Each structure stands twice: as structure tokens, then as C-alpha cells.
PDB file of all heavy atoms in Angstrom:
ATOM      1  N   SER A   1     -27.059 -22.664  80.141  1.00  0.00           N
ATOM      2  CA  SER A   1     -26.974 -23.939  80.858  1.00  0.00           C
ATOM      3  C   SER A   1     -27.750 -25.002  80.104  1.00  0.00           C
ATOM      4  O   SER A   1     -28.695 -24.701  79.355  1.00  0.00           O
ATOM      5  CB  SER A   1     -27.545 -23.788  82.270  1.00  0.00           C
ATOM      6  OG  SER A   1     -26.767 -22.899  83.037  1.00  0.00           O
ATOM      7  N   LEU A   2     -27.352 -26.239  80.343  1.00  0.00           N
ATOM      8  CA  LEU A   2     -27.985 -27.374  79.676  1.00  0.00           C
ATOM      9  C   LEU A   2     -27.805 -28.583  80.587  1.00  0.00           C
ATOM     10  O   LEU A   2     -26.754 -28.711  81.243  1.00  0.00           O
ATOM     11  CB  LEU A   2     -27.303 -27.627  78.334  1.00  0.00           C
ATOM     12  CG  LEU A   2     -27.986 -28.542  77.312  1.00  0.00           C
ATOM     13  CD1 LEU A   2     -29.278 -27.904  76.832  1.00  0.00           C
ATOM     14  CD2 LEU A   2     -27.051 -28.778  76.128  1.00  0.00           C
ATOM     15  N   ARG A   3     -28.802 -29.455  80.640  1.00  0.00           N
ATOM     16  CA  ARG A   3     -28.653 -30.685  81.418  1.00  0.00           C
ATOM     17  C   ARG A   3     -28.835 -31.895  80.520  1.00  0.00           C
ATOM     18  O   ARG A   3     -29.887 -32.051  79.886  1.00  0.00           O
ATOM     19  CB  ARG A   3     -29.653 -30.753  82.577  1.00  0.00           C
ATOM     20  CG  ARG A   3     -29.346 -31.925  83.519  1.00  0.00           C
ATOM     21  CD  ARG A   3     -30.253 -31.964  84.725  1.00  0.00           C
ATOM     22  NE  ARG A   3     -31.564 -32.501  84.407  1.00  0.00           N
ATOM     23  CZ  ARG A   3     -32.396 -32.975  85.330  1.00  0.00           C
ATOM     24  NH1 ARG A   3     -32.042 -32.985  86.612  1.00  0.00           N
ATOM     25  NH2 ARG A   3     -33.595 -33.427  84.966  1.00  0.00           N
ATOM     26  N   LEU A   4     -27.840 -32.736  80.489  1.00  0.00           N
ATOM     27  CA  LEU A   4     -27.917 -33.982  79.750  1.00  0.00           C
ATOM     28  C   LEU A   4     -28.339 -35.103  80.690  1.00  0.00           C
ATOM     29  O   LEU A   4     -27.983 -35.099  81.875  1.00  0.00           O
ATOM     30  CB  LEU A   4     -26.557 -34.334  79.139  1.00  0.00           C
ATOM     31  CG  LEU A   4     -25.914 -33.267  78.254  1.00  0.00           C
ATOM     32  CD1 LEU A   4     -24.618 -33.794  77.670  1.00  0.00           C
ATOM     33  CD2 LEU A   4     -26.850 -32.805  77.174  1.00  0.00           C
ATOM     34  N   SER A   5     -29.079 -36.061  80.145  1.00  0.00           N
ATOM     35  CA  SER A   5     -29.519 -37.216  80.907  1.00  0.00           C
ATOM     36  C   SER A   5     -29.027 -38.491  80.245  1.00  0.00           C
ATOM     37  O   SER A   5     -28.877 -38.541  79.016  1.00  0.00           O
ATOM     38  CB  SER A   5     -31.048 -37.255  80.998  1.00  0.00           C
ATOM     39  OG  SER A   5     -31.553 -36.109  81.640  1.00  0.00           O
ATOM     40  N   CYS A   6     -28.816 -39.501  81.069  1.00  0.00           N
ATOM     41  CA  CYS A   6     -28.422 -40.825  80.563  1.00  0.00           C
ATOM     42  C   CYS A   6     -29.283 -41.848  81.282  1.00  0.00           C
ATOM     43  O   CYS A   6     -29.062 -42.131  82.466  1.00  0.00           O
ATOM     44  CB  CYS A   6     -26.947 -41.078  80.811  1.00  0.00           C
ATOM     45  SG  CYS A   6     -26.403 -42.741  80.354  1.00  0.00           S
ATOM     46  N   ALA A   7     -30.263 -42.390  80.578  1.00  0.00           N
ATOM     47  CA  ALA A   7     -31.162 -43.391  81.144  1.00  0.00           C
ATOM     48  C   ALA A   7     -30.587 -44.781  80.916  1.00  0.00           C
ATOM     49  O   ALA A   7     -30.187 -45.117  79.796  1.00  0.00           O
ATOM     50  CB  ALA A   7     -32.541 -43.272  80.505  1.00  0.00           C
ATOM     51  N   VAL A   8     -30.566 -45.568  81.974  1.00  0.00           N
ATOM     52  CA  VAL A   8     -29.943 -46.893  81.921  1.00  0.00           C
ATOM     53  C   VAL A   8     -30.991 -47.977  82.140  1.00  0.00           C
ATOM     54  O   VAL A   8     -31.836 -47.859  83.032  1.00  0.00           O
ATOM     55  CB  VAL A   8     -28.835 -47.011  82.987  1.00  0.00           C
ATOM     56  CG1 VAL A   8     -28.210 -48.406  82.956  1.00  0.00           C
ATOM     57  CG2 VAL A   8     -27.772 -45.942  82.767  1.00  0.00           C
ATOM     58  N   SER A   9     -30.921 -49.022  81.359  1.00  0.00           N
ATOM     59  CA  SER A   9     -31.797 -50.180  81.543  1.00  0.00           C
ATOM     60  C   SER A   9     -30.985 -51.459  81.370  1.00  0.00           C
ATOM     61  O   SER A   9     -29.903 -51.443  80.778  1.00  0.00           O
ATOM     62  CB  SER A   9     -32.951 -50.152  80.543  1.00  0.00           C
ATOM     63  OG  SER A   9     -32.453 -50.184  79.219  1.00  0.00           O
ATOM     64  N   GLY A  10     -31.506 -52.544  81.916  1.00  0.00           N
ATOM     65  CA  GLY A  10     -30.886 -53.844  81.744  1.00  0.00           C
ATOM     66  C   GLY A  10     -29.880 -54.235  82.808  1.00  0.00           C
ATOM     67  O   GLY A  10     -29.301 -55.309  82.748  1.00  0.00           O
ATOM     68  N   ARG A  11     -29.656 -53.347  83.772  1.00  0.00           N
ATOM     69  CA  ARG A  11     -28.710 -53.641  84.848  1.00  0.00           C
ATOM     70  C   ARG A  11     -29.103 -52.817  86.058  1.00  0.00           C
ATOM     71  O   ARG A  11     -29.651 -51.720  85.917  1.00  0.00           O
ATOM     72  CB  ARG A  11     -27.284 -53.309  84.400  1.00  0.00           C
ATOM     73  CG  ARG A  11     -26.186 -53.537  85.406  1.00  0.00           C
ATOM     74  CD  ARG A  11     -26.074 -55.017  85.791  1.00  0.00           C
ATOM     75  NE  ARG A  11     -25.763 -55.854  84.660  1.00  0.00           N
ATOM     76  CZ  ARG A  11     -24.542 -56.197  84.307  1.00  0.00           C
ATOM     77  NH1 ARG A  11     -23.509 -55.761  84.985  1.00  0.00           N
ATOM     78  NH2 ARG A  11     -24.347 -56.991  83.273  1.00  0.00           N
ATOM     79  N   THR A  12     -28.821 -53.333  87.251  1.00  0.00           N
ATOM     80  CA  THR A  12     -29.107 -52.562  88.455  1.00  0.00           C
ATOM     81  C   THR A  12     -28.276 -51.293  88.453  1.00  0.00           C
ATOM     82  O   THR A  12     -27.046 -51.338  88.592  1.00  0.00           O
ATOM     83  CB  THR A  12     -28.798 -53.389  89.709  1.00  0.00           C
ATOM     84  OG1 THR A  12     -29.567 -54.596  89.673  1.00  0.00           O
ATOM     85  CG2 THR A  12     -29.134 -52.598  90.956  1.00  0.00           C
ATOM     86  N   PHE A  13     -28.943 -50.175  88.279  1.00  0.00           N
ATOM     87  CA  PHE A  13     -28.235 -48.906  88.086  1.00  0.00           C
ATOM     88  C   PHE A  13     -27.331 -48.582  89.258  1.00  0.00           C
ATOM     89  O   PHE A  13     -26.239 -48.052  89.078  1.00  0.00           O
ATOM     90  CB  PHE A  13     -29.258 -47.792  87.868  1.00  0.00           C
ATOM     91  CG  PHE A  13     -28.656 -46.443  87.643  1.00  0.00           C
ATOM     92  CD1 PHE A  13     -28.010 -46.147  86.452  1.00  0.00           C
ATOM     93  CD2 PHE A  13     -28.729 -45.459  88.625  1.00  0.00           C
ATOM     94  CE1 PHE A  13     -27.449 -44.905  86.241  1.00  0.00           C
ATOM     95  CE2 PHE A  13     -28.178 -44.214  88.411  1.00  0.00           C
ATOM     96  CZ  PHE A  13     -27.542 -43.931  87.216  1.00  0.00           C
ATOM     97  N   SER A  14     -27.781 -48.897  90.460  1.00  0.00           N
ATOM     98  CA  SER A  14     -27.000 -48.544  91.643  1.00  0.00           C
ATOM     99  C   SER A  14     -25.670 -49.285  91.709  1.00  0.00           C
ATOM    100  O   SER A  14     -24.785 -48.883  92.471  1.00  0.00           O
ATOM    101  CB  SER A  14     -27.800 -48.815  92.915  1.00  0.00           C
ATOM    102  OG  SER A  14     -28.153 -50.188  92.981  1.00  0.00           O
ATOM    103  N   SER A  15     -25.491 -50.324  90.906  1.00  0.00           N
ATOM    104  CA  SER A  15     -24.243 -51.073  90.889  1.00  0.00           C
ATOM    105  C   SER A  15     -23.265 -50.555  89.836  1.00  0.00           C
ATOM    106  O   SER A  15     -22.159 -51.089  89.705  1.00  0.00           O
ATOM    107  CB  SER A  15     -24.518 -52.552  90.616  1.00  0.00           C
ATOM    108  OG  SER A  15     -24.961 -52.757  89.283  1.00  0.00           O
ATOM    109  N   LEU A  16     -23.672 -49.537  89.100  1.00  0.00           N
ATOM    110  CA  LEU A  16     -22.855 -49.001  88.008  1.00  0.00           C
ATOM    111  C   LEU A  16     -22.198 -47.681  88.391  1.00  0.00           C
ATOM    112  O   LEU A  16     -22.850 -46.788  88.938  1.00  0.00           O
ATOM    113  CB  LEU A  16     -23.704 -48.775  86.768  1.00  0.00           C
ATOM    114  CG  LEU A  16     -24.356 -49.994  86.138  1.00  0.00           C
ATOM    115  CD1 LEU A  16     -25.333 -49.559  85.047  1.00  0.00           C
ATOM    116  CD2 LEU A  16     -23.305 -50.936  85.573  1.00  0.00           C
ATOM    117  N   SER A  17     -20.936 -47.554  88.067  1.00  0.00           N
ATOM    118  CA  SER A  17     -20.286 -46.254  88.085  1.00  0.00           C
ATOM    119  C   SER A  17     -20.478 -45.638  86.701  1.00  0.00           C
ATOM    120  O   SER A  17     -20.406 -46.343  85.691  1.00  0.00           O
ATOM    121  CB  SER A  17     -18.803 -46.376  88.412  1.00  0.00           C
ATOM    122  OG  SER A  17     -18.619 -46.800  89.747  1.00  0.00           O
ATOM    123  N   MET A  18     -20.714 -44.342  86.666  1.00  0.00           N
ATOM    124  CA  MET A  18     -21.091 -43.667  85.432  1.00  0.00           C
ATOM    125  C   MET A  18     -20.092 -42.569  85.080  1.00  0.00           C
ATOM    126  O   MET A  18     -19.468 -41.967  85.960  1.00  0.00           O
ATOM    127  CB  MET A  18     -22.473 -43.039  85.585  1.00  0.00           C
ATOM    128  CG  MET A  18     -23.572 -43.991  85.984  1.00  0.00           C
ATOM    129  SD  MET A  18     -23.883 -45.252  84.737  1.00  0.00           S
ATOM    130  CE  MET A  18     -24.422 -44.234  83.358  1.00  0.00           C
ATOM    131  N   ALA A  19     -19.987 -42.310  83.791  1.00  0.00           N
ATOM    132  CA  ALA A  19     -19.097 -41.238  83.340  1.00  0.00           C
ATOM    133  C   ALA A  19     -19.664 -40.585  82.094  1.00  0.00           C
ATOM    134  O   ALA A  19     -20.512 -41.156  81.408  1.00  0.00           O
ATOM    135  CB  ALA A  19     -17.703 -41.781  83.048  1.00  0.00           C
ATOM    136  N   TRP A  20     -19.171 -39.393  81.836  1.00  0.00           N
ATOM    137  CA  TRP A  20     -19.472 -38.669  80.601  1.00  0.00           C
ATOM    138  C   TRP A  20     -18.168 -38.409  79.868  1.00  0.00           C
ATOM    139  O   TRP A  20     -17.170 -38.021  80.477  1.00  0.00           O
ATOM    140  CB  TRP A  20     -20.162 -37.355  80.901  1.00  0.00           C
ATOM    141  CG  TRP A  20     -21.561 -37.510  81.401  1.00  0.00           C
ATOM    142  CD1 TRP A  20     -21.971 -37.604  82.699  1.00  0.00           C
ATOM    143  CD2 TRP A  20     -22.754 -37.589  80.607  1.00  0.00           C
ATOM    144  NE1 TRP A  20     -23.332 -37.746  82.759  1.00  0.00           N
ATOM    145  CE2 TRP A  20     -23.835 -37.730  81.482  1.00  0.00           C
ATOM    146  CE3 TRP A  20     -23.014 -37.558  79.232  1.00  0.00           C
ATOM    147  CZ2 TRP A  20     -25.152 -37.842  81.044  1.00  0.00           C
ATOM    148  CZ3 TRP A  20     -24.316 -37.655  78.792  1.00  0.00           C
ATOM    149  CH2 TRP A  20     -25.369 -37.796  79.694  1.00  0.00           C
ATOM    150  N   PHE A  21     -18.219 -38.625  78.568  1.00  0.00           N
ATOM    151  CA  PHE A  21     -17.125 -38.294  77.664  1.00  0.00           C
ATOM    152  C   PHE A  21     -17.688 -37.410  76.556  1.00  0.00           C
ATOM    153  O   PHE A  21     -18.905 -37.328  76.385  1.00  0.00           O
ATOM    154  CB  PHE A  21     -16.525 -39.562  77.039  1.00  0.00           C
ATOM    155  CG  PHE A  21     -15.721 -40.399  77.999  1.00  0.00           C
ATOM    156  CD1 PHE A  21     -16.350 -41.201  78.937  1.00  0.00           C
ATOM    157  CD2 PHE A  21     -14.338 -40.386  77.948  1.00  0.00           C
ATOM    158  CE1 PHE A  21     -15.613 -41.979  79.830  1.00  0.00           C
ATOM    159  CE2 PHE A  21     -13.588 -41.165  78.825  1.00  0.00           C
ATOM    160  CZ  PHE A  21     -14.232 -41.961  79.768  1.00  0.00           C
ATOM    161  N   ARG A  22     -16.816 -36.783  75.797  1.00  0.00           N
ATOM    162  CA  ARG A  22     -17.269 -35.985  74.663  1.00  0.00           C
ATOM    163  C   ARG A  22     -16.265 -36.073  73.526  1.00  0.00           C
ATOM    164  O   ARG A  22     -15.079 -36.312  73.755  1.00  0.00           O
ATOM    165  CB  ARG A  22     -17.497 -34.531  75.062  1.00  0.00           C
ATOM    166  CG  ARG A  22     -16.230 -33.759  75.431  1.00  0.00           C
ATOM    167  CD  ARG A  22     -16.596 -32.365  75.916  1.00  0.00           C
ATOM    168  NE  ARG A  22     -15.404 -31.576  76.257  1.00  0.00           N
ATOM    169  CZ  ARG A  22     -15.449 -30.359  76.781  1.00  0.00           C
ATOM    170  NH1 ARG A  22     -16.627 -29.790  77.048  1.00  0.00           N
ATOM    171  NH2 ARG A  22     -14.341 -29.712  77.063  1.00  0.00           N
ATOM    172  N   GLN A  23     -16.779 -35.866  72.331  1.00  0.00           N
ATOM    173  CA  GLN A  23     -15.927 -35.855  71.157  1.00  0.00           C
ATOM    174  C   GLN A  23     -16.293 -34.668  70.284  1.00  0.00           C
ATOM    175  O   GLN A  23     -17.394 -34.606  69.730  1.00  0.00           O
ATOM    176  CB  GLN A  23     -16.057 -37.150  70.364  1.00  0.00           C
ATOM    177  CG  GLN A  23     -15.066 -37.256  69.219  1.00  0.00           C
ATOM    178  CD  GLN A  23     -14.995 -38.657  68.642  1.00  0.00           C
ATOM    179  OE1 GLN A  23     -15.913 -39.456  68.808  1.00  0.00           O
ATOM    180  NE2 GLN A  23     -13.898 -38.957  67.967  1.00  0.00           N
ATOM    181  N   ALA A  24     -15.370 -33.735  70.204  1.00  0.00           N
ATOM    182  CA  ALA A  24     -15.567 -32.558  69.369  1.00  0.00           C
ATOM    183  C   ALA A  24     -15.220 -32.893  67.921  1.00  0.00           C
ATOM    184  O   ALA A  24     -14.457 -33.832  67.660  1.00  0.00           O
ATOM    185  CB  ALA A  24     -14.683 -31.412  69.870  1.00  0.00           C
ATOM    186  N   PRO A  25     -15.745 -32.131  66.975  1.00  0.00           N
ATOM    187  CA  PRO A  25     -15.441 -32.389  65.567  1.00  0.00           C
ATOM    188  C   PRO A  25     -13.940 -32.404  65.292  1.00  0.00           C
ATOM    189  O   PRO A  25     -13.230 -31.483  65.688  1.00  0.00           O
ATOM    190  CB  PRO A  25     -16.120 -31.223  64.848  1.00  0.00           C
ATOM    191  CG  PRO A  25     -17.222 -30.806  65.756  1.00  0.00           C
ATOM    192  CD  PRO A  25     -16.694 -31.014  67.141  1.00  0.00           C
ATOM    193  N   GLY A  26     -13.463 -33.473  64.681  1.00  0.00           N
ATOM    194  CA  GLY A  26     -12.058 -33.568  64.332  1.00  0.00           C
ATOM    195  C   GLY A  26     -11.118 -33.891  65.476  1.00  0.00           C
ATOM    196  O   GLY A  26      -9.889 -33.867  65.291  1.00  0.00           O
ATOM    197  N   LYS A  27     -11.669 -34.190  66.645  1.00  0.00           N
ATOM    198  CA  LYS A  27     -10.818 -34.480  67.808  1.00  0.00           C
ATOM    199  C   LYS A  27     -11.133 -35.855  68.372  1.00  0.00           C
ATOM    200  O   LYS A  27     -12.172 -36.443  68.074  1.00  0.00           O
ATOM    201  CB  LYS A  27     -11.013 -33.417  68.884  1.00  0.00           C
ATOM    202  CG  LYS A  27     -10.561 -32.028  68.454  1.00  0.00           C
ATOM    203  CD  LYS A  27     -10.615 -31.059  69.608  1.00  0.00           C
ATOM    204  CE  LYS A  27     -10.084 -29.695  69.213  1.00  0.00           C
ATOM    205  NZ  LYS A  27     -10.114 -28.729  70.353  1.00  0.00           N
ATOM    206  N   GLU A  28     -10.257 -36.334  69.227  1.00  0.00           N
ATOM    207  CA  GLU A  28     -10.483 -37.604  69.887  1.00  0.00           C
ATOM    208  C   GLU A  28     -11.474 -37.433  71.032  1.00  0.00           C
ATOM    209  O   GLU A  28     -11.645 -36.341  71.577  1.00  0.00           O
ATOM    210  CB  GLU A  28      -9.158 -38.158  70.420  1.00  0.00           C
ATOM    211  CG  GLU A  28      -8.174 -38.537  69.326  1.00  0.00           C
ATOM    212  CD  GLU A  28      -6.951 -39.227  69.874  1.00  0.00           C
ATOM    213  OE1 GLU A  28      -6.794 -39.267  71.102  1.00  0.00           O
ATOM    214  OE2 GLU A  28      -6.141 -39.723  69.066  1.00  0.00           O
ATOM    215  N   ARG A  29     -12.104 -38.531  71.388  1.00  0.00           N
ATOM    216  CA  ARG A  29     -13.023 -38.487  72.516  1.00  0.00           C
ATOM    217  C   ARG A  29     -12.243 -38.233  73.801  1.00  0.00           C
ATOM    218  O   ARG A  29     -11.144 -38.775  73.981  1.00  0.00           O
ATOM    219  CB  ARG A  29     -13.799 -39.806  72.594  1.00  0.00           C
ATOM    220  CG  ARG A  29     -14.949 -39.770  73.558  1.00  0.00           C
ATOM    221  CD  ARG A  29     -16.003 -40.803  73.221  1.00  0.00           C
ATOM    222  NE  ARG A  29     -15.516 -42.154  73.133  1.00  0.00           N
ATOM    223  CZ  ARG A  29     -16.271 -43.185  72.786  1.00  0.00           C
ATOM    224  NH1 ARG A  29     -17.544 -43.003  72.486  1.00  0.00           N
ATOM    225  NH2 ARG A  29     -15.762 -44.395  72.740  1.00  0.00           N
ATOM    226  N   GLU A  30     -12.820 -37.419  74.679  1.00  0.00           N
ATOM    227  CA  GLU A  30     -12.143 -37.075  75.924  1.00  0.00           C
ATOM    228  C   GLU A  30     -13.080 -37.210  77.111  1.00  0.00           C
ATOM    229  O   GLU A  30     -14.284 -37.062  77.002  1.00  0.00           O
ATOM    230  CB  GLU A  30     -11.589 -35.641  75.870  1.00  0.00           C
ATOM    231  CG  GLU A  30     -12.643 -34.566  75.776  1.00  0.00           C
ATOM    232  CD  GLU A  30     -12.073 -33.162  75.851  1.00  0.00           C
ATOM    233  OE1 GLU A  30     -10.839 -33.005  75.943  1.00  0.00           O
ATOM    234  OE2 GLU A  30     -12.865 -32.208  75.817  1.00  0.00           O
ATOM    235  N   TYR A  31     -12.476 -37.467  78.239  1.00  0.00           N
ATOM    236  CA  TYR A  31     -13.197 -37.607  79.495  1.00  0.00           C
ATOM    237  C   TYR A  31     -13.739 -36.256  79.950  1.00  0.00           C
ATOM    238  O   TYR A  31     -13.081 -35.221  79.795  1.00  0.00           O
ATOM    239  CB  TYR A  31     -12.227 -38.176  80.526  1.00  0.00           C
ATOM    240  CG  TYR A  31     -12.639 -38.054  81.962  1.00  0.00           C
ATOM    241  CD1 TYR A  31     -13.569 -38.920  82.516  1.00  0.00           C
ATOM    242  CD2 TYR A  31     -12.080 -37.073  82.770  1.00  0.00           C
ATOM    243  CE1 TYR A  31     -13.927 -38.810  83.842  1.00  0.00           C
ATOM    244  CE2 TYR A  31     -12.429 -36.955  84.099  1.00  0.00           C
ATOM    245  CZ  TYR A  31     -13.355 -37.832  84.632  1.00  0.00           C
ATOM    246  OH  TYR A  31     -13.708 -37.721  85.940  1.00  0.00           O
ATOM    247  N   VAL A  32     -14.949 -36.286  80.532  1.00  0.00           N
ATOM    248  CA  VAL A  32     -15.550 -35.065  81.054  1.00  0.00           C
ATOM    249  C   VAL A  32     -15.745 -35.152  82.570  1.00  0.00           C
ATOM    250  O   VAL A  32     -15.273 -34.290  83.313  1.00  0.00           O
ATOM    251  CB  VAL A  32     -16.905 -34.781  80.373  1.00  0.00           C
ATOM    252  CG1 VAL A  32     -17.583 -33.566  80.995  1.00  0.00           C
ATOM    253  CG2 VAL A  32     -16.722 -34.597  78.872  1.00  0.00           C
ATOM    254  N   ALA A  33     -16.461 -36.178  83.016  1.00  0.00           N
ATOM    255  CA  ALA A  33     -16.772 -36.274  84.441  1.00  0.00           C
ATOM    256  C   ALA A  33     -17.211 -37.698  84.769  1.00  0.00           C
ATOM    257  O   ALA A  33     -17.599 -38.452  83.884  1.00  0.00           O
ATOM    258  CB  ALA A  33     -17.874 -35.282  84.815  1.00  0.00           C
ATOM    259  N   ALA A  34     -17.161 -38.024  86.065  1.00  0.00           N
ATOM    260  CA  ALA A  34     -17.547 -39.366  86.494  1.00  0.00           C
ATOM    261  C   ALA A  34     -18.124 -39.336  87.899  1.00  0.00           C
ATOM    262  O   ALA A  34     -17.810 -38.445  88.707  1.00  0.00           O
ATOM    263  CB  ALA A  34     -16.355 -40.319  86.443  1.00  0.00           C
ATOM    264  N   ILE A  35     -18.950 -40.333  88.174  1.00  0.00           N
ATOM    265  CA  ILE A  35     -19.519 -40.508  89.503  1.00  0.00           C
ATOM    266  C   ILE A  35     -19.578 -42.008  89.771  1.00  0.00           C
ATOM    267  O   ILE A  35     -20.094 -42.780  88.976  1.00  0.00           O
ATOM    268  CB  ILE A  35     -20.914 -39.847  89.601  1.00  0.00           C
ATOM    269  CG1 ILE A  35     -21.474 -39.956  91.012  1.00  0.00           C
ATOM    270  CG2 ILE A  35     -21.884 -40.432  88.566  1.00  0.00           C
ATOM    271  CD1 ILE A  35     -22.698 -39.050  91.234  1.00  0.00           C
ATOM    272  N   ARG A  36     -19.022 -42.391  90.895  1.00  0.00           N
ATOM    273  CA  ARG A  36     -18.919 -43.825  91.176  1.00  0.00           C
ATOM    274  C   ARG A  36     -20.142 -44.337  91.935  1.00  0.00           C
ATOM    275  O   ARG A  36     -20.990 -43.555  92.385  1.00  0.00           O
ATOM    276  CB  ARG A  36     -17.640 -44.113  91.966  1.00  0.00           C
ATOM    277  CG  ARG A  36     -16.386 -43.821  91.180  1.00  0.00           C
ATOM    278  CD  ARG A  36     -15.146 -44.346  91.864  1.00  0.00           C
ATOM    279  NE  ARG A  36     -14.893 -43.668  93.127  1.00  0.00           N
ATOM    280  CZ  ARG A  36     -13.843 -43.909  93.897  1.00  0.00           C
ATOM    281  NH1 ARG A  36     -12.960 -44.838  93.528  1.00  0.00           N
ATOM    282  NH2 ARG A  36     -13.660 -43.257  95.018  1.00  0.00           N
ATOM    283  N   VAL A  37     -20.225 -45.645  92.042  1.00  0.00           N
ATOM    284  CA  VAL A  37     -21.233 -46.267  92.895  1.00  0.00           C
ATOM    285  C   VAL A  37     -21.128 -45.638  94.286  1.00  0.00           C
ATOM    286  O   VAL A  37     -20.034 -45.446  94.805  1.00  0.00           O
ATOM    287  CB  VAL A  37     -20.976 -47.785  92.987  1.00  0.00           C
ATOM    288  CG1 VAL A  37     -21.874 -48.417  94.045  1.00  0.00           C
ATOM    289  CG2 VAL A  37     -21.183 -48.454  91.649  1.00  0.00           C
ATOM    290  N   GLY A  38     -22.291 -45.313  94.836  1.00  0.00           N
ATOM    291  CA  GLY A  38     -22.298 -44.679  96.145  1.00  0.00           C
ATOM    292  C   GLY A  38     -22.384 -43.163  96.060  1.00  0.00           C
ATOM    293  O   GLY A  38     -22.901 -42.513  96.957  1.00  0.00           O
ATOM    294  N   ALA A  39     -21.838 -42.591  94.978  1.00  0.00           N
ATOM    295  CA  ALA A  39     -21.989 -41.160  94.679  1.00  0.00           C
ATOM    296  C   ALA A  39     -21.458 -40.249  95.775  1.00  0.00           C
ATOM    297  O   ALA A  39     -21.881 -39.107  95.874  1.00  0.00           O
ATOM    298  CB  ALA A  39     -23.461 -40.824  94.398  1.00  0.00           C
ATOM    299  N   SER A  40     -20.534 -40.735  96.573  1.00  0.00           N
ATOM    300  CA  SER A  40     -20.016 -39.873  97.635  1.00  0.00           C
ATOM    301  C   SER A  40     -19.066 -38.814  97.087  1.00  0.00           C
ATOM    302  O   SER A  40     -18.885 -37.765  97.684  1.00  0.00           O
ATOM    303  CB  SER A  40     -19.296 -40.711  98.688  1.00  0.00           C
ATOM    304  OG  SER A  40     -18.222 -41.421  98.097  1.00  0.00           O
ATOM    305  N   THR A  41     -18.470 -39.096  95.941  1.00  0.00           N
ATOM    306  CA  THR A  41     -17.514 -38.167  95.341  1.00  0.00           C
ATOM    307  C   THR A  41     -17.745 -38.131  93.837  1.00  0.00           C
ATOM    308  O   THR A  41     -18.049 -39.149  93.227  1.00  0.00           O
ATOM    309  CB  THR A  41     -16.067 -38.619  95.616  1.00  0.00           C
ATOM    310  OG1 THR A  41     -15.901 -38.823  97.000  1.00  0.00           O
ATOM    311  CG2 THR A  41     -15.072 -37.561  95.138  1.00  0.00           C
TER     312      THR A  41
END
């Protein structure tokens, strides 16, 4: 297991929807996961 963190500055964090993407060697960047403002889903 591993936990990645994304620290945000310069904007009210609670107003931002966040996502994770990844790019494997030799491949295009792809979507991984997302969490919207409110974090209900």
C-alpha cells in the first residue's frame, strides 16, 4: 500500500474539485480518481 498526497495553496481548497491522473512509461496520461467539492461521492 502507498498513500499519495496533494497539498494545495493559493486557492480556497474547499472550493476545488480534485482528481488524480497517471502516466505510465510510453503511454498517455489517464484518469485515476476524483472527488468533488463537498466530497459526498
